[in-house]
Protein backbone atom coordinates (compact mmCIF):
# COMPACT_ATOMS: atom_id res chain seq x y z
CA UNK A 1 -33.75 -18.57 80.70
CA UNK A 2 -35.54 -17.51 83.89
CA UNK A 3 -33.96 -18.27 87.26
CA UNK A 4 -36.07 -18.09 90.38
CA UNK A 5 -34.57 -18.34 93.86
CA UNK A 6 -36.07 -21.25 95.80
CA UNK A 7 -35.13 -22.74 99.18
CA UNK A 8 -34.37 -26.02 97.40
CA UNK A 9 -32.06 -24.37 94.87
CA UNK A 10 -30.25 -22.35 97.54
CA UNK A 11 -29.70 -25.45 99.62
CA UNK A 12 -28.34 -27.49 96.71
CA UNK A 13 -25.92 -24.74 95.64
CA UNK A 14 -24.64 -24.22 99.16
CA UNK A 15 -24.07 -27.90 99.83
CA UNK A 16 -22.53 -28.54 96.41
CA UNK A 17 -19.96 -25.83 97.15
CA UNK A 18 -18.88 -27.70 100.27
CA UNK A 19 -18.01 -31.00 98.54
CA UNK A 20 -14.62 -31.30 96.83
CA UNK A 21 -14.00 -33.72 93.95
CA UNK A 22 -11.48 -35.66 96.05
CA UNK A 23 -14.13 -36.10 98.74
CA UNK A 24 -16.16 -38.27 96.38
CA UNK A 25 -13.28 -39.90 94.48
CA UNK A 26 -13.55 -37.76 91.35
CA UNK A 27 -10.50 -36.42 89.48
CA UNK A 28 -10.06 -32.65 89.32
CA UNK A 29 -8.62 -31.31 86.08
CA UNK A 30 -7.68 -27.73 85.25
CA UNK A 31 -8.76 -24.53 86.97
CA UNK A 32 -12.15 -24.82 88.64
CA UNK A 33 -14.34 -21.72 88.47
CA UNK A 34 -16.61 -22.82 91.30
CA UNK A 35 -15.90 -24.07 94.81
CA UNK A 36 -16.77 -27.70 95.30
CA UNK A 37 -18.38 -29.91 92.69
CA UNK A 38 -19.70 -28.79 89.32
CA UNK A 39 -23.37 -29.33 88.59
CA UNK A 40 -22.52 -31.97 86.00
CA UNK A 41 -20.49 -33.88 88.58
CA UNK A 42 -23.34 -33.89 91.07
CA UNK A 43 -25.66 -35.13 88.35
CA UNK A 44 -23.32 -38.01 87.48
CA UNK A 45 -22.96 -39.01 91.13
CA UNK A 46 -26.72 -38.77 91.70
CA UNK A 47 -27.59 -40.67 88.53
CA UNK A 48 -29.75 -37.88 87.07
CA UNK A 49 -29.72 -35.82 83.91
CA UNK A 50 -27.37 -32.81 84.17
CA UNK A 51 -29.93 -30.44 82.68
CA UNK A 52 -32.56 -31.63 85.15
CA UNK A 53 -30.23 -31.04 88.10
CA UNK A 54 -29.43 -27.56 86.76
CA UNK A 55 -33.15 -26.76 86.63
CA UNK A 56 -33.47 -27.82 90.27
CA UNK A 57 -30.76 -25.38 91.33
CA UNK A 58 -32.19 -22.59 89.18
CA UNK A 59 -35.71 -23.01 90.50
CA UNK A 60 -37.16 -24.08 87.14
CA UNK A 61 -37.93 -27.51 88.58
CA UNK A 62 -39.15 -27.77 92.17
CA UNK A 63 -40.55 -31.22 92.80
CA UNK A 64 -38.01 -34.02 92.25
CA UNK A 65 -39.04 -37.55 93.09
CA UNK A 66 -38.00 -39.30 96.28
CA UNK A 67 -35.56 -41.42 94.24
CA UNK A 68 -33.90 -38.29 92.82
CA UNK A 69 -33.60 -36.61 96.22
CA UNK A 70 -32.06 -39.77 97.66
CA UNK A 71 -29.50 -39.82 94.85
CA UNK A 72 -28.64 -36.16 95.33
CA UNK A 73 -28.34 -36.68 99.09
CA UNK A 74 -25.78 -39.42 98.51
CA UNK A 75 -23.92 -37.34 95.93
CA UNK A 76 -23.63 -34.37 98.28
CA UNK A 77 -22.66 -36.59 101.24
CA UNK A 78 -25.54 -35.30 103.35
CA UNK A 79 -26.04 -36.62 106.85
CA UNK A 80 -29.43 -37.81 108.13
CA UNK A 81 -30.60 -34.36 109.23
CA UNK A 82 -29.61 -32.73 105.95
CA UNK A 83 -31.21 -35.51 103.88
CA UNK A 84 -34.47 -35.11 105.77
CA UNK A 85 -34.25 -31.35 105.19
CA UNK A 86 -33.69 -31.92 101.46
CA UNK A 87 -36.72 -34.19 101.29
CA UNK A 88 -38.89 -31.59 102.98
CA UNK A 89 -37.72 -28.87 100.60
CA UNK A 90 -38.45 -31.15 97.67
CA UNK A 91 -41.90 -31.98 99.02
CA UNK A 92 -41.28 -35.72 99.22
CA UNK A 93 -42.34 -35.98 102.87
CA UNK A 94 -45.61 -34.83 104.41
CA UNK A 95 -45.68 -31.23 105.53
CA UNK A 96 -46.13 -30.16 109.13
CA UNK A 97 -49.43 -28.38 109.81
CA UNK A 98 -49.09 -24.91 111.27
CA UNK A 99 -50.61 -24.09 114.61
CA UNK A 100 -53.93 -22.30 114.34
CA UNK A 101 -53.74 -20.60 117.71
CA UNK A 102 -51.21 -19.60 120.31
CA UNK A 103 -50.16 -22.57 122.41
CA UNK A 104 -49.77 -22.43 126.16
CA UNK A 105 -47.61 -24.90 128.03
CA UNK A 106 -50.14 -26.99 130.00
CA UNK A 107 -49.99 -27.18 133.81
CA UNK A 108 -48.98 -30.85 133.72
CA UNK A 109 -45.90 -30.02 131.64
CA UNK A 110 -44.95 -27.17 133.94
CA UNK A 111 -45.26 -29.58 136.86
CA UNK A 112 -42.94 -31.99 135.03
CA UNK A 113 -40.39 -29.19 134.56
CA UNK A 114 -40.41 -28.38 138.25
CA UNK A 115 -40.06 -32.05 139.17
CA UNK A 116 -36.55 -32.07 137.65
CA UNK A 117 -34.99 -30.52 140.75
CA UNK A 118 -31.43 -31.68 140.02
CA UNK A 119 -31.62 -30.88 136.30
CA UNK A 120 -32.15 -27.72 134.29
CA UNK A 121 -35.25 -28.27 132.17
CA UNK A 122 -37.04 -26.03 129.69
CA UNK A 123 -39.40 -26.17 126.72
CA UNK A 124 -38.59 -24.68 123.31
CA UNK A 125 -40.41 -24.50 120.02
CA UNK A 126 -39.02 -24.97 116.53
CA UNK A 127 -37.68 -21.40 116.36
CA UNK A 128 -35.86 -21.93 119.69
CA UNK A 129 -38.20 -19.64 121.63
CA UNK A 130 -38.13 -20.62 125.31
CA UNK A 131 -41.75 -21.26 126.33
CA UNK A 132 -41.21 -22.39 129.92
CA UNK A 133 -38.30 -23.18 132.23
CA UNK A 134 -37.76 -24.48 135.74
CA UNK A 135 -35.88 -22.45 138.35
CA UNK A 136 -32.58 -24.24 137.78
CA UNK A 137 -32.68 -23.57 134.03
CA UNK A 138 -33.30 -19.89 134.76
CA UNK A 139 -30.40 -19.83 137.23
CA UNK A 140 -28.11 -21.58 134.75
CA UNK A 141 -28.85 -18.97 132.09
CA UNK A 142 -28.75 -16.00 134.49
CA UNK A 143 -25.68 -14.43 132.79
CA UNK A 144 -27.93 -13.53 129.85
CA UNK A 145 -30.03 -10.38 129.67
CA UNK A 146 -33.09 -12.59 129.29
CA UNK A 147 -33.86 -16.24 128.56
CA UNK A 148 -36.26 -15.85 125.65
CA UNK A 149 -34.80 -17.34 122.48
CA UNK A 150 -31.71 -19.55 122.33
CA UNK A 151 -30.61 -18.23 118.93
CA UNK A 152 -30.85 -14.59 120.02
CA UNK A 153 -28.93 -15.45 123.18
CA UNK A 154 -26.14 -17.24 121.26
CA UNK A 155 -25.63 -14.63 118.56
CA UNK A 156 -26.71 -11.30 120.02
CA UNK A 157 -26.15 -11.40 123.78
CA UNK A 158 -22.59 -10.35 124.80
CA UNK A 159 -22.59 -12.99 127.56
CA UNK A 160 -22.74 -15.87 125.06
CA UNK A 161 -19.10 -16.13 124.02
CA UNK A 162 -17.97 -16.49 127.62
CA UNK A 163 -20.88 -18.65 128.78
CA UNK A 164 -20.56 -21.16 125.90
CA UNK A 165 -16.92 -22.19 126.15
CA UNK A 166 -17.21 -23.88 122.74
CA UNK A 167 -19.10 -21.03 121.18
CA UNK A 168 -18.22 -21.83 117.56
CA UNK A 169 -19.73 -25.31 117.78
CA UNK A 170 -22.77 -23.98 119.64
CA UNK A 171 -23.29 -21.26 117.04
CA UNK A 172 -23.09 -23.68 114.12
CA UNK A 173 -25.52 -26.08 115.77
CA UNK A 174 -27.95 -23.25 116.59
CA UNK A 175 -27.99 -22.00 112.99
CA UNK A 176 -28.44 -25.60 111.87
CA UNK A 177 -31.50 -26.00 114.11
CA UNK A 178 -33.11 -22.94 112.54
CA UNK A 179 -32.25 -24.15 109.03
CA UNK A 180 -34.01 -27.42 109.86
CA UNK A 181 -37.01 -25.42 111.06
CA UNK A 182 -37.07 -23.58 107.73
CA UNK A 183 -37.46 -26.89 105.94
CA UNK A 184 -40.29 -27.98 108.22
CA UNK A 185 -42.30 -24.78 107.86
CA UNK A 186 -40.79 -22.41 105.26
CA UNK A 187 -43.73 -19.98 105.52
CA UNK A 188 -43.48 -19.47 109.29
CA UNK A 189 -43.60 -15.73 109.93
CA UNK A 190 -41.89 -15.98 113.31
CA UNK A 191 -38.94 -17.82 111.77
CA UNK A 192 -38.57 -15.27 108.95
CA UNK A 193 -38.66 -12.46 111.49
CA UNK A 194 -36.03 -14.11 113.68
CA UNK A 195 -33.68 -14.96 110.81
CA UNK A 196 -33.96 -11.42 109.44
CA UNK A 197 -33.07 -9.93 112.84
CA UNK A 198 -30.14 -12.28 113.33
CA UNK A 199 -28.76 -11.67 109.85
CA UNK A 200 -29.10 -7.94 110.36
CA UNK A 201 -27.13 -7.89 113.61
CA UNK A 202 -24.72 -10.85 113.42
CA UNK A 203 -22.32 -11.48 110.54
CA UNK A 204 -21.49 -14.83 112.14
CA UNK A 205 -25.10 -15.94 111.92
CA UNK A 206 -25.39 -14.72 108.32
CA UNK A 207 -22.34 -16.75 107.33
CA UNK A 208 -23.57 -19.90 109.06
CA UNK A 209 -27.12 -19.47 107.74
CA UNK A 210 -25.85 -19.24 104.18
CA UNK A 211 -23.86 -22.45 104.64
CA UNK A 212 -27.20 -24.35 104.82
CA UNK A 213 -25.96 -26.78 107.47
CA UNK A 214 -28.90 -28.68 108.97
CA UNK A 215 -28.81 -29.95 112.55
CA UNK A 216 -31.39 -31.76 114.64
CA UNK A 217 -31.47 -31.49 118.43
CA UNK A 218 -31.38 -34.90 120.11
CA UNK A 219 -28.67 -35.35 122.72
CA UNK A 220 -25.10 -34.35 123.43
CA UNK A 221 -22.72 -32.61 125.81
CA UNK A 222 -22.57 -28.90 126.56
CA UNK A 223 -19.75 -26.95 128.18
CA UNK A 224 -20.54 -23.75 130.06
CA UNK A 225 -18.72 -21.21 132.19
CA UNK A 226 -21.08 -19.68 134.72
CA UNK A 227 -19.81 -16.52 136.48
CA UNK A 228 -20.89 -17.91 139.86
CA UNK A 229 -20.89 -21.69 139.47
CA UNK A 230 -17.72 -21.90 137.36
CA UNK A 231 -17.15 -24.47 134.59
CA UNK A 232 -19.99 -26.91 133.95
CA UNK A 233 -20.07 -30.01 131.76
CA UNK A 234 -23.66 -31.13 131.25
CA UNK A 235 -25.31 -33.72 129.06
CA UNK A 236 -28.61 -32.85 127.44
CA UNK A 237 -31.53 -34.82 126.11
CA UNK A 238 -34.29 -33.48 123.84
CA UNK A 239 -37.77 -35.02 124.00
CA UNK A 240 -40.46 -34.30 121.42
CA UNK A 241 -43.73 -33.21 123.03
CA UNK A 242 -46.56 -35.08 121.35
CA UNK A 243 -49.70 -33.21 120.29
CA UNK A 244 -47.94 -29.84 120.73
CA UNK A 245 -47.62 -27.53 117.70
CA UNK A 246 -44.46 -25.86 116.41
CA UNK A 247 -42.19 -28.85 117.03
CA UNK A 248 -41.95 -28.29 120.76
CA UNK A 249 -39.30 -30.13 122.74
CA UNK A 250 -38.47 -30.63 126.39
CA UNK A 251 -34.74 -30.06 126.92
CA UNK A 252 -33.09 -31.46 130.06
CA UNK A 253 -29.53 -30.61 131.12
CA UNK A 254 -28.02 -32.85 133.80
CA UNK A 255 -24.61 -33.51 135.31
CA UNK A 256 -22.90 -36.82 136.05
CA UNK A 257 -23.68 -37.90 139.63
CA UNK A 258 -21.15 -36.78 142.26
CA UNK A 259 -19.23 -34.71 139.71
CA UNK A 260 -18.04 -31.12 140.25
CA UNK A 261 -20.72 -30.03 137.79
CA UNK A 262 -23.40 -31.77 139.87
CA UNK A 263 -22.18 -29.93 142.97
CA UNK A 264 -22.22 -26.63 141.09
CA UNK A 265 -25.77 -27.25 139.86
CA UNK A 266 -26.86 -28.04 143.41
CA UNK A 267 -25.43 -24.73 144.61
CA UNK A 268 -27.18 -22.92 141.77
CA UNK A 269 -30.45 -24.56 142.75
CA UNK A 270 -30.18 -23.61 146.42
CA UNK A 271 -28.67 -20.19 145.79
CA UNK A 272 -25.67 -21.12 147.94
CA UNK A 273 -23.06 -19.55 145.69
């Protein structure tokens, strides 16, 4: 029997290990040699042949149907982001074309960034490289050595654990964003380079990366501690940029009107701290 490592197989094994029998209403008898569900149990829950599911994990089968991936997604209790990631790994959704040339943020988009005077706004690509930022976003992230890649900043910059007051949640979400990117474009050289560097210098990233958690960036709340502005509670929104390659998004951080965080952002913007 030949076993070949595949992104699909790695993902299935990692997520299977995170689901306990009691999570899905299955009895657990005797000593279990593996964490989480057995392959046979996943197959039963997904409604597929156990040998076929085993071949998927071992890389001997790589292209399950949409119906099979949906069944496996339910069996492994995957959320929407993780199910979409599974479908991409299985090839049941259209691939994303790779950019043929370096992309420059157009002047109109830079003007839009600068128009957000009371909000910190910046543009990232799928690998979390920061492509452009307005002055307030730069001021907000001034504790870092440089504002170049959000993942590098979270895992490798010493300022991160103080700046992100909920660092553990931020770190898990950041690794999840990159895992989603791997499903969208598994052959991306920039992503491979970044993941290799992070794994080589951060055991925390390596652990989270191997958990295969998938997270999309849409909206939420962030908590920061800026050395000059103090504690900040900001909401963020992520907007997909149409016609731009590499899954680019406009990220906007803003504070509730008349809140202490809004006052702190205003002082950051004017340099009055």
